[in-house]
Amino acid sequence: MSDIPQERRVVTAIPGPKSQELQQRRLAAVAAGVGSTLPVFTARVDRGIIEDVDGNRLIDFGSGIAVTSVGASAEAVVRRASAQLQEFTHTCFMVTPYEGYVEVAEALAELTPGDHAKKSALFNSGAEAVENAVKIARAYTKRQAVIVFDHGYHGRTNLTMALTSKNMPYKQGFGPFAPEVYRVPVAYGYRWPTGAENAGPEAAAQAIDQITKQVGADNVAAIIIEPVLGEGGFIEPAKGFLPAIRQFAADNGIVFVADEIQSGFCRTGQWFACEDEGIVPDLITTAKGIAGGLPLAAVTGKAEIMDAAHAGGLGGTYGGNPVACAGALGAIETMKELDLNAKAKEIESTMKARLTAMQEKFPAIGEIRGRGAMIAIELVTDPATKEPDPAAAAALAKACHAEGLLVLTCGTYGNVLRFLPPLVIGQDLLNEGLDIIENAFAAL
């Protein structure tokens, strides 16, 4: 386990000379289509600090895109995964099974919303989980259509590109896409034409009307939504929207899938973001924060739905890898032991207070939103017109990076700064990171 001093330290330009040297090797050997937010090469990571090969220590407000919620070298994850490495790295669960996979499925049944009988299937990535949720829903309903939402993001495979709303960089030039995917409005309160207070009921009515008229409810296998839309800009659907869509699904025999890949595992201050409005999904997809940085994903849901696929219909060589399963059990142990839901709420109160104060000074901040340690600010050229300002988002991110703070951008319009600190970050580092953001605004 890494034990890095939890202090920001900038000793070279960012990126430094060793990172620049590695970047030249990378450009020669790695496909150009694989991007990087910040080309500093990592040496060690511990809690809220990323240490690079030049000895710089950056404050981490990204968590590897919401993955290292427990930190990137959490003691329980390292201990359990190391022990499993000594025993065996792989058998393929479809060949000879092992207890770790079953233990993870049992933990998911306990932690996910609802007290019905549940089962899980494990995979490698979020996109795989979503793709398999669609397979399971189609097998169960004997229907084909899938409903997704404006601003949604679900992955980079062929089917999940079709499910994803944003063209560039996810879909441009990669078609044709999978058929029988239909997109409907989401309750994006900040940009709803008649105001945020109307967005929930009006967007739900529009979405249901479009599904009914254009697709036919009887043709819909699944409705898939992120309870907090991640890549689309950390959009929290306005209150009432999710319950209305959930009820519509239940009334029409449609499988309701909560995509909790970015928002799950204490990230929003609850085990899962859909709990905020009491949503109990039929299926829930998880990945990212599940295993402390090891590649693992899951579909968990009602036992009768999960059992709809024929034997052999679900799986994959590496799905539920034993080392990743051990990591997941270590991550869940850490989340419980440190009460990371409470920690996420503390992070939210600190960040929202500081960002609200900044909003009063800097009119570029159109909206502050999100829950727990999943917070974002939407940047606009003018608060009255709400014209998106992607240039400001890029400039602010660049200024933060130069000062040793890793931040990420997102949003359909590329104008959102998102903050995903590890849930184990220290309060002093959190405040120092916010100081850097404030200084970047002042300079802008």
Protein backbone atom coordinates (compact mmCIF):
# COMPACT_ATOMS: atom_id res chain seq x y z
CA MET A 1 0.00 0.00 0.00
CA SER A 2 1.29 3.46 -0.93
CA ASP A 3 1.79 5.91 1.91
CA ILE A 4 2.30 9.29 0.27
CA PRO A 5 2.35 12.53 2.28
CA GLN A 6 -1.07 14.12 1.73
CA GLU A 7 0.39 17.40 0.51
CA ARG A 8 0.33 19.02 -2.91
CA ARG A 9 3.82 19.52 -4.31
CA VAL A 10 4.72 21.07 -7.68
CA VAL A 11 8.45 20.75 -8.33
CA THR A 12 8.53 20.87 -12.16
CA ALA A 13 6.35 22.22 -14.94
CA ILE A 14 3.29 19.99 -15.39
CA PRO A 15 3.91 17.73 -17.22
CA GLY A 16 7.54 17.46 -16.09
CA PRO A 17 10.56 16.23 -18.09
CA LYS A 18 10.17 12.52 -17.25
CA SER A 19 6.46 12.64 -18.12
CA GLN A 20 7.29 14.41 -21.38
CA GLU A 21 9.83 11.72 -22.20
CA LEU A 22 7.27 8.98 -21.50
CA GLN A 23 4.73 10.89 -23.58
CA GLN A 24 7.05 10.65 -26.60
CA ARG A 25 7.26 6.87 -26.12
CA ARG A 26 3.49 6.74 -25.71
CA LEU A 27 2.88 8.69 -28.94
CA ALA A 28 5.05 6.18 -30.82
CA ALA A 29 3.44 3.07 -29.33
CA VAL A 30 -0.16 3.83 -28.26
CA ALA A 31 -3.04 4.41 -30.67
CA ALA A 32 -3.88 8.10 -31.13
CA GLY A 33 -7.57 7.44 -30.44
CA VAL A 34 -6.79 6.81 -26.75
CA GLY A 35 -6.75 10.26 -25.18
CA SER A 36 -5.55 11.50 -21.77
CA THR A 37 -6.89 14.44 -19.79
CA LEU A 38 -3.45 15.30 -18.43
CA PRO A 39 -0.27 13.59 -19.73
CA VAL A 40 1.51 13.31 -16.36
CA PHE A 41 2.65 9.74 -15.84
CA THR A 42 1.66 8.28 -12.51
CA ALA A 43 4.12 6.64 -10.12
CA ARG A 44 2.02 6.20 -6.96
CA VAL A 45 -1.44 7.11 -5.71
CA ASP A 46 -2.70 7.28 -2.13
CA ARG A 47 -6.00 8.74 -0.92
CA GLY A 48 -6.21 12.31 -2.31
CA ILE A 49 -2.75 12.50 -3.93
CA ILE A 50 -1.39 11.35 -7.30
CA GLU A 51 2.43 11.34 -7.37
CA ASP A 52 3.96 11.51 -10.85
CA VAL A 53 7.29 10.25 -12.18
CA ASP A 54 8.81 13.72 -11.73
CA GLY A 55 7.95 13.83 -8.02
CA ASN A 56 5.03 16.22 -8.36
CA ARG A 57 2.08 15.53 -6.08
CA LEU A 58 -1.30 16.44 -7.54
CA ILE A 59 -4.56 16.76 -5.64
CA ASP A 60 -6.98 14.25 -7.17
CA PHE A 61 -10.49 15.55 -7.95
CA GLY A 62 -11.08 12.80 -10.53
CA SER A 63 -10.72 9.39 -8.84
CA GLY A 64 -9.96 7.84 -12.24
CA ILE A 65 -13.52 8.89 -13.24
CA ALA A 66 -15.26 7.89 -10.01
CA VAL A 67 -13.42 4.57 -9.67
CA THR A 68 -11.04 4.99 -6.72
CA SER A 69 -13.66 6.08 -4.20
CA VAL A 70 -11.82 4.17 -1.44
CA GLY A 71 -8.46 5.44 -2.75
CA ALA A 72 -6.21 3.82 -5.35
CA SER A 73 -4.24 1.75 -2.83
CA ALA A 74 -6.77 1.04 -0.08
CA GLU A 75 -5.44 -1.37 2.56
CA ALA A 76 -8.35 -3.85 2.39
CA VAL A 77 -8.34 -3.90 -1.43
CA VAL A 78 -4.57 -4.48 -1.57
CA ARG A 79 -4.69 -7.11 1.20
CA ARG A 80 -7.53 -9.15 -0.28
CA ALA A 81 -6.40 -8.88 -3.91
CA SER A 82 -2.80 -9.77 -2.96
CA ALA A 83 -3.97 -12.83 -1.05
CA GLN A 84 -6.06 -13.93 -4.03
CA LEU A 85 -3.08 -13.41 -6.39
CA GLN A 86 -1.13 -15.94 -4.32
CA GLU A 87 -3.90 -18.54 -4.71
CA PHE A 88 -4.90 -18.21 -8.40
CA THR A 89 -5.47 -15.46 -10.92
CA HIS A 90 -8.09 -17.14 -13.12
CA THR A 91 -10.07 -20.26 -13.81
CA CYS A 92 -13.03 -18.67 -15.66
CA PHE A 93 -16.19 -18.83 -13.56
CA MET A 94 -17.92 -20.56 -16.48
CA VAL A 95 -15.38 -23.40 -16.30
CA THR A 96 -14.77 -23.95 -12.58
CA PRO A 97 -16.43 -21.45 -10.23
CA TYR A 98 -14.99 -19.94 -7.03
CA GLU A 99 -16.37 -18.45 -3.83
CA GLY A 100 -15.32 -14.81 -4.43
CA TYR A 101 -17.78 -14.39 -7.30
CA VAL A 102 -20.61 -15.74 -5.14
CA GLU A 103 -19.59 -13.47 -2.23
CA VAL A 104 -19.72 -10.39 -4.47
CA ALA A 105 -23.18 -11.41 -5.75
CA GLU A 106 -24.34 -11.87 -2.14
CA ALA A 107 -22.97 -8.44 -1.17
CA LEU A 108 -24.73 -6.81 -4.14
CA ALA A 109 -28.03 -8.45 -3.18
CA GLU A 110 -27.64 -7.00 0.31
CA LEU A 111 -26.58 -3.46 -0.73
CA THR A 112 -28.78 -2.67 -3.76
CA PRO A 113 -32.27 -1.16 -3.28
CA GLY A 114 -35.27 -3.38 -2.64
CA ASP A 115 -35.89 -6.40 -0.42
CA HIS A 116 -36.96 -8.77 -3.21
CA ALA A 117 -34.93 -11.87 -4.13
CA LYS A 118 -31.96 -10.76 -6.24
CA LYS A 119 -29.28 -12.33 -8.38
CA SER A 120 -26.20 -10.92 -10.14
CA ALA A 121 -23.97 -11.59 -13.12
CA LEU A 122 -20.44 -10.16 -13.15
CA PHE A 123 -18.56 -8.61 -16.07
CA ASN A 124 -15.48 -6.45 -16.78
CA SER A 125 -16.72 -2.96 -17.60
CA GLY A 126 -19.69 -0.66 -17.30
CA ALA A 127 -20.49 -0.91 -21.00
CA GLU A 128 -20.57 -4.71 -20.71
CA ALA A 129 -22.92 -4.47 -17.75
CA VAL A 130 -25.34 -2.21 -19.67
CA GLU A 131 -25.18 -4.42 -22.75
CA ASN A 132 -26.00 -7.48 -20.66
CA ALA A 133 -28.83 -5.68 -18.89
CA VAL A 134 -30.38 -5.14 -22.33
CA LYS A 135 -29.90 -8.83 -23.19
CA ILE A 136 -31.55 -9.88 -19.94
CA ALA A 137 -34.47 -7.44 -20.36
CA ARG A 138 -35.09 -8.64 -23.93
CA ALA A 139 -34.98 -12.28 -22.85
CA TYR A 140 -37.43 -11.59 -20.02
CA THR A 141 -39.94 -9.42 -21.89
CA LYS A 142 -39.62 -11.01 -25.36
CA ARG A 143 -39.56 -7.40 -26.66
CA GLN A 144 -36.84 -5.45 -28.47
CA ALA A 145 -37.09 -1.67 -28.04
CA VAL A 146 -34.84 0.15 -25.56
CA ILE A 147 -35.58 3.66 -24.27
CA VAL A 148 -32.74 6.02 -23.27
CA PHE A 149 -32.59 9.73 -22.51
CA ASP A 150 -31.13 12.98 -23.78
CA HIS A 151 -27.66 13.61 -22.30
CA GLY A 152 -27.28 9.95 -21.26
CA TYR A 153 -23.99 8.07 -21.47
CA HIS A 154 -23.80 4.26 -21.35
CA GLY A 155 -20.52 3.19 -22.96
CA ARG A 156 -18.38 2.70 -26.05
CA THR A 157 -19.38 -0.72 -27.44
CA ASN A 158 -21.60 -0.79 -30.51
CA LEU A 159 -24.85 -1.16 -28.58
CA THR A 160 -23.87 1.26 -25.83
CA MET A 161 -22.72 3.87 -28.37
CA ALA A 162 -26.28 3.69 -29.73
CA LEU A 163 -27.59 4.20 -26.19
CA THR A 164 -25.23 7.17 -25.59
CA SER A 165 -26.49 10.64 -26.43
CA LYS A 166 -23.28 12.56 -27.21
CA ASN A 167 -21.78 12.19 -30.68
CA MET A 168 -18.25 13.58 -30.22
CA PRO A 169 -16.01 11.87 -29.19
CA TYR A 170 -18.05 8.73 -28.50
CA LYS A 171 -19.86 7.97 -31.75
CA GLN A 172 -18.36 10.12 -34.52
CA GLY A 173 -17.37 7.91 -37.46
CA PHE A 174 -18.11 4.61 -35.69
CA GLY A 175 -21.59 3.74 -37.05
CA PRO A 176 -23.85 2.12 -38.06
CA PHE A 177 -25.25 1.58 -34.57
CA ALA A 178 -27.51 -1.05 -33.06
CA PRO A 179 -31.20 -0.65 -33.95
CA GLU A 180 -34.32 -0.42 -31.75
CA VAL A 181 -32.94 2.34 -29.53
CA TYR A 182 -35.18 5.37 -28.89
CA ARG A 183 -34.20 8.61 -27.14
CA VAL A 184 -36.63 10.78 -25.14
CA PRO A 185 -36.35 14.01 -23.08
CA VAL A 186 -34.88 14.13 -19.58
CA ALA A 187 -35.76 16.65 -16.85
CA TYR A 188 -32.68 18.90 -17.13
CA GLY A 189 -33.91 21.54 -14.69
CA TYR A 190 -31.35 24.25 -15.44
CA ARG A 191 -32.19 24.21 -19.16
CA TRP A 192 -35.91 23.35 -19.03
CA PRO A 193 -37.81 25.97 -21.11
CA THR A 194 -40.57 26.62 -18.54
CA GLY A 195 -38.26 26.54 -15.51
CA ALA A 196 -36.72 23.94 -13.22
CA GLU A 197 -39.86 23.74 -11.05
CA ASN A 198 -41.85 22.37 -14.02
CA ALA A 199 -39.16 20.13 -15.46
CA GLY A 200 -40.00 16.93 -13.53
CA PRO A 201 -43.67 16.51 -14.48
CA GLU A 202 -43.38 18.12 -17.94
CA ALA A 203 -40.36 16.07 -19.06
CA ALA A 204 -41.94 12.87 -17.73
CA ALA A 205 -45.16 13.60 -19.63
CA GLN A 206 -43.23 14.35 -22.83
CA ALA A 207 -41.09 11.21 -22.50
CA ILE A 208 -44.08 8.97 -21.80
CA ASP A 209 -46.02 10.53 -24.67
CA GLN A 210 -43.16 9.93 -27.10
CA ILE A 211 -42.70 6.33 -25.96
CA THR A 212 -46.42 5.63 -26.23
CA LYS A 213 -46.92 7.29 -29.62
CA GLN A 214 -43.64 6.62 -31.41
CA VAL A 215 -42.58 3.22 -30.05
CA GLY A 216 -45.55 1.63 -28.32
CA ALA A 217 -45.18 0.67 -24.66
CA ASP A 218 -45.86 -2.99 -25.52
CA ASN A 219 -42.71 -3.05 -27.68
CA VAL A 220 -40.35 -1.74 -24.99
CA ALA A 221 -38.05 -4.21 -23.27
CA ALA A 222 -36.13 -1.73 -21.08
CA ILE A 223 -35.90 1.86 -19.98
CA ILE A 224 -32.32 2.74 -19.01
CA ILE A 225 -31.39 5.88 -17.08
CA GLU A 226 -28.56 7.17 -14.91
CA PRO A 227 -30.15 8.49 -11.67
CA VAL A 228 -27.52 11.25 -11.89
CA LEU A 229 -26.44 11.63 -15.53
CA GLY A 230 -22.64 11.43 -15.54
CA GLU A 231 -20.96 12.27 -18.82
CA GLY A 232 -23.95 14.44 -19.79
CA GLY A 233 -22.99 16.93 -17.09
CA PHE A 234 -23.90 15.54 -13.64
CA ILE A 235 -27.53 16.35 -14.34
CA GLU A 236 -29.88 15.43 -11.49
CA PRO A 237 -33.27 14.79 -13.11
CA ALA A 238 -35.74 17.25 -11.57
CA LYS A 239 -37.77 15.85 -8.68
CA GLY A 240 -40.67 13.66 -9.70
CA PHE A 241 -39.21 12.66 -13.05
CA LEU A 242 -37.64 9.34 -12.03
CA PRO A 243 -40.66 8.15 -9.98
CA ALA A 244 -43.00 8.91 -12.92
CA ILE A 245 -40.82 7.02 -15.40
CA ARG A 246 -40.41 4.14 -12.92
CA GLN A 247 -44.19 3.91 -12.48
CA PHE A 248 -44.74 3.97 -16.25
CA ALA A 249 -42.30 1.07 -16.62
CA ALA A 250 -44.05 -0.93 -13.88
CA ASP A 251 -47.50 -0.28 -15.38
CA ASN A 252 -46.39 -1.51 -18.81
CA GLY A 253 -44.23 -4.54 -17.98
CA ILE A 254 -41.04 -2.70 -18.97
CA VAL A 255 -37.75 -3.53 -17.22
CA PHE A 256 -36.51 -0.38 -15.45
CA VAL A 257 -32.69 -0.28 -15.43
CA ALA A 258 -30.81 2.14 -13.16
CA ASP A 259 -27.34 2.74 -14.62
CA GLU A 260 -25.40 3.42 -11.41
CA ILE A 261 -21.97 2.88 -12.95
CA GLN A 262 -20.73 6.39 -12.08
CA SER A 263 -23.13 7.23 -9.25
CA GLY A 264 -23.00 4.00 -7.23
CA PHE A 265 -21.14 2.83 -4.12
CA CYS A 266 -21.42 5.83 -1.77
CA ARG A 267 -20.50 8.36 -4.46
CA THR A 268 -23.65 10.47 -3.90
CA GLY A 269 -23.83 9.95 -0.13
CA GLN A 270 -26.08 6.91 -0.48
CA TRP A 271 -25.12 3.41 -1.55
CA PHE A 272 -26.94 4.12 -4.82
CA ALA A 273 -28.22 7.41 -6.22
CA CYS A 274 -31.67 6.03 -7.10
CA GLU A 275 -32.39 5.69 -3.36
CA ASP A 276 -32.76 9.50 -3.18
CA GLU A 277 -36.34 9.35 -4.47
CA GLY A 278 -36.99 5.81 -3.24
CA ILE A 279 -36.60 4.22 -6.68
CA VAL A 280 -36.32 0.42 -6.63
CA PRO A 281 -35.10 -0.60 -10.10
CA ASP A 282 -35.73 -3.98 -11.71
CA LEU A 283 -32.06 -4.15 -12.72
CA ILE A 284 -29.10 -2.05 -11.59
CA THR A 285 -25.77 -1.85 -13.42
CA THR A 286 -22.58 -1.15 -11.47
CA ALA A 287 -18.86 -0.85 -12.20
CA LYS A 288 -16.33 1.99 -11.55
CA GLY A 289 -16.37 2.31 -7.72
CA ILE A 290 -17.16 -1.37 -7.16
CA ALA A 291 -13.64 -2.80 -6.77
CA GLY A 292 -11.21 -0.09 -5.71
CA GLY A 293 -9.70 0.24 -9.18
CA LEU A 294 -9.78 -3.36 -10.40
CA PRO A 295 -11.89 -4.08 -13.50
CA LEU A 296 -15.26 -5.44 -12.42
CA ALA A 297 -18.89 -4.73 -13.29
CA ALA A 298 -22.24 -6.24 -12.42
CA VAL A 299 -25.88 -6.50 -13.35
CA THR A 300 -28.00 -7.10 -10.25
CA GLY A 301 -31.76 -7.44 -10.17
CA LYS A 302 -34.95 -9.29 -9.53
CA ALA A 303 -34.19 -12.99 -9.53
CA GLU A 304 -36.94 -13.90 -12.01
CA ILE A 305 -35.69 -11.29 -14.50
CA MET A 306 -32.02 -12.21 -14.04
CA ASP A 307 -32.90 -15.89 -14.62
CA ALA A 308 -34.64 -15.18 -17.93
CA ALA A 309 -31.49 -15.68 -20.04
CA HIS A 310 -30.79 -19.31 -20.96
CA ALA A 311 -27.82 -21.13 -19.39
CA GLY A 312 -24.66 -20.08 -21.21
CA GLY A 313 -26.32 -16.91 -22.51
CA LEU A 314 -24.44 -14.68 -20.09
CA GLY A 315 -20.75 -14.68 -19.31
CA GLY A 316 -17.34 -13.92 -20.72
CA THR A 317 -13.84 -15.25 -20.15
CA TYR A 318 -12.82 -12.69 -17.54
CA GLY A 319 -16.21 -11.76 -16.09
CA GLY A 320 -15.99 -11.76 -12.29
CA ASN A 321 -12.22 -12.32 -12.28
CA PRO A 322 -11.18 -13.70 -8.85
CA VAL A 323 -8.64 -10.94 -8.13
CA ALA A 324 -11.19 -8.24 -9.05
CA CYS A 325 -13.81 -9.95 -6.86
CA ALA A 326 -11.36 -9.90 -3.94
CA GLY A 327 -10.78 -6.21 -4.61
CA ALA A 328 -14.54 -5.57 -4.58
CA LEU A 329 -14.94 -7.28 -1.21
CA GLY A 330 -12.10 -5.11 0.10
CA ALA A 331 -13.69 -1.95 -1.32
CA ILE A 332 -17.09 -2.76 0.23
CA GLU A 333 -15.38 -3.55 3.56
CA THR A 334 -13.70 -0.12 3.42
CA MET A 335 -16.92 1.70 2.52
CA LYS A 336 -18.70 0.18 5.51
CA GLU A 337 -15.81 0.53 7.96
CA LEU A 338 -15.15 4.21 7.14
CA ASP A 339 -18.85 5.09 6.56
CA LEU A 340 -18.05 6.60 3.19
CA ASN A 341 -21.67 7.64 2.65
CA ALA A 342 -21.25 10.08 5.54
CA LYS A 343 -17.87 11.16 4.13
CA ALA A 344 -19.46 11.87 0.74
CA LYS A 345 -22.06 14.09 2.41
CA GLU A 346 -19.30 15.99 4.25
CA ILE A 347 -17.51 16.53 0.92
CA GLU A 348 -20.78 17.83 -0.57
CA SER A 349 -21.36 20.34 2.21
CA THR A 350 -17.79 21.67 1.95
CA MET A 351 -17.81 21.88 -1.85
CA LYS A 352 -21.28 23.37 -2.24
CA ALA A 353 -20.62 26.06 0.39
CA ARG A 354 -17.36 27.09 -1.28
CA LEU A 355 -18.75 26.91 -4.83
CA THR A 356 -21.86 28.90 -3.89
CA ALA A 357 -19.62 31.65 -2.54
CA MET A 358 -17.68 31.58 -5.83
CA GLN A 359 -20.90 31.76 -7.85
CA GLU A 360 -21.70 35.10 -6.20
CA LYS A 361 -18.34 36.45 -7.41
CA PHE A 362 -18.08 34.79 -10.82
CA PRO A 363 -21.14 35.03 -13.11
CA ALA A 364 -19.64 32.33 -15.38
CA ILE A 365 -20.96 29.75 -12.88
CA GLY A 366 -24.48 29.14 -14.19
CA GLU A 367 -25.39 26.27 -11.88
CA ILE A 368 -23.87 24.16 -9.10
CA ARG A 369 -25.35 20.68 -8.91
CA GLY A 370 -24.82 17.08 -7.92
CA ARG A 371 -24.83 15.13 -4.67
CA GLY A 372 -22.20 13.75 -2.35
CA ALA A 373 -18.76 13.68 -3.94
CA MET A 374 -20.30 13.95 -7.43
CA ILE A 375 -20.48 17.74 -7.83
CA ALA A 376 -20.34 19.89 -10.95
CA ILE A 377 -20.52 23.50 -12.09
CA GLU A 378 -22.01 24.45 -15.43
CA LEU A 379 -20.22 27.37 -17.09
CA VAL A 380 -22.01 29.92 -19.24
CA THR A 381 -21.03 33.06 -21.13
CA ASP A 382 -24.06 34.89 -19.73
CA PRO A 383 -26.27 33.76 -16.80
CA ALA A 384 -29.33 35.31 -18.51
CA THR A 385 -29.03 33.45 -21.82
CA LYS A 386 -27.32 30.36 -20.31
CA GLU A 387 -25.14 30.12 -23.44
CA PRO A 388 -22.72 27.21 -22.78
CA ASP A 389 -19.06 28.20 -22.37
CA PRO A 390 -16.86 25.18 -23.18
CA ALA A 391 -13.83 27.45 -23.63
CA ALA A 392 -14.08 28.56 -20.00
CA ALA A 393 -14.32 24.93 -18.83
CA ALA A 394 -11.19 24.03 -20.82
CA ALA A 395 -9.28 27.11 -19.59
CA LEU A 396 -10.19 26.50 -15.95
CA ALA A 397 -9.20 22.84 -16.16
CA LYS A 398 -5.87 23.79 -17.73
CA ALA A 399 -5.20 26.40 -15.02
CA CYS A 400 -6.00 23.88 -12.27
CA HIS A 401 -3.74 21.25 -13.85
CA ALA A 402 -0.82 23.70 -13.96
CA GLU A 403 -1.22 24.27 -10.20
CA GLY A 404 -1.30 20.57 -9.38
CA LEU A 405 -5.06 19.93 -9.17
CA LEU A 406 -6.53 17.23 -11.40
CA VAL A 407 -10.07 18.12 -12.52
CA LEU A 408 -12.24 16.71 -15.31
CA THR A 409 -14.71 18.29 -17.70
CA CYS A 410 -17.93 16.80 -19.07
CA GLY A 411 -21.36 17.78 -20.39
CA THR A 412 -23.11 17.47 -23.72
CA TYR A 413 -21.90 21.01 -24.49
CA GLY A 414 -18.43 20.44 -22.96
CA ASN A 415 -19.04 23.28 -20.51
CA VAL A 416 -19.16 21.46 -17.17
CA LEU A 417 -16.36 21.08 -14.62
CA ARG A 418 -16.96 17.93 -12.59
CA PHE A 419 -15.47 17.06 -9.24
CA LEU A 420 -15.09 13.43 -8.16
CA PRO A 421 -12.62 13.41 -5.26
CA PRO A 422 -11.85 10.10 -3.57
CA LEU A 423 -14.20 9.68 -0.61
CA VAL A 424 -11.10 9.27 1.60
CA ILE A 425 -9.59 12.67 0.69
CA GLY A 426 -8.51 14.83 3.63
CA GLN A 427 -10.43 18.02 4.44
CA ASP A 428 -7.28 20.15 4.04
CA LEU A 429 -6.63 18.82 0.53
CA LEU A 430 -10.28 19.35 -0.39
CA ASN A 431 -10.12 22.98 0.69
CA GLU A 432 -6.76 23.51 -1.01
CA GLY A 433 -8.22 22.17 -4.25
CA LEU A 434 -11.15 24.57 -3.94
CA ASP A 435 -8.69 27.44 -3.34
CA ILE A 436 -6.98 26.55 -6.64
CA ILE A 437 -10.35 26.53 -8.45
CA GLU A 438 -11.22 29.93 -6.97
CA ASN A 439 -7.85 31.38 -7.99
CA ALA A 440 -8.32 29.96 -11.51
CA PHE A 441 -11.70 31.74 -11.75
CA ALA A 442 -10.18 34.99 -10.52
CA ALA A 443 -7.41 34.73 -13.15
CA LEU A 444 -9.93 33.87 -15.91
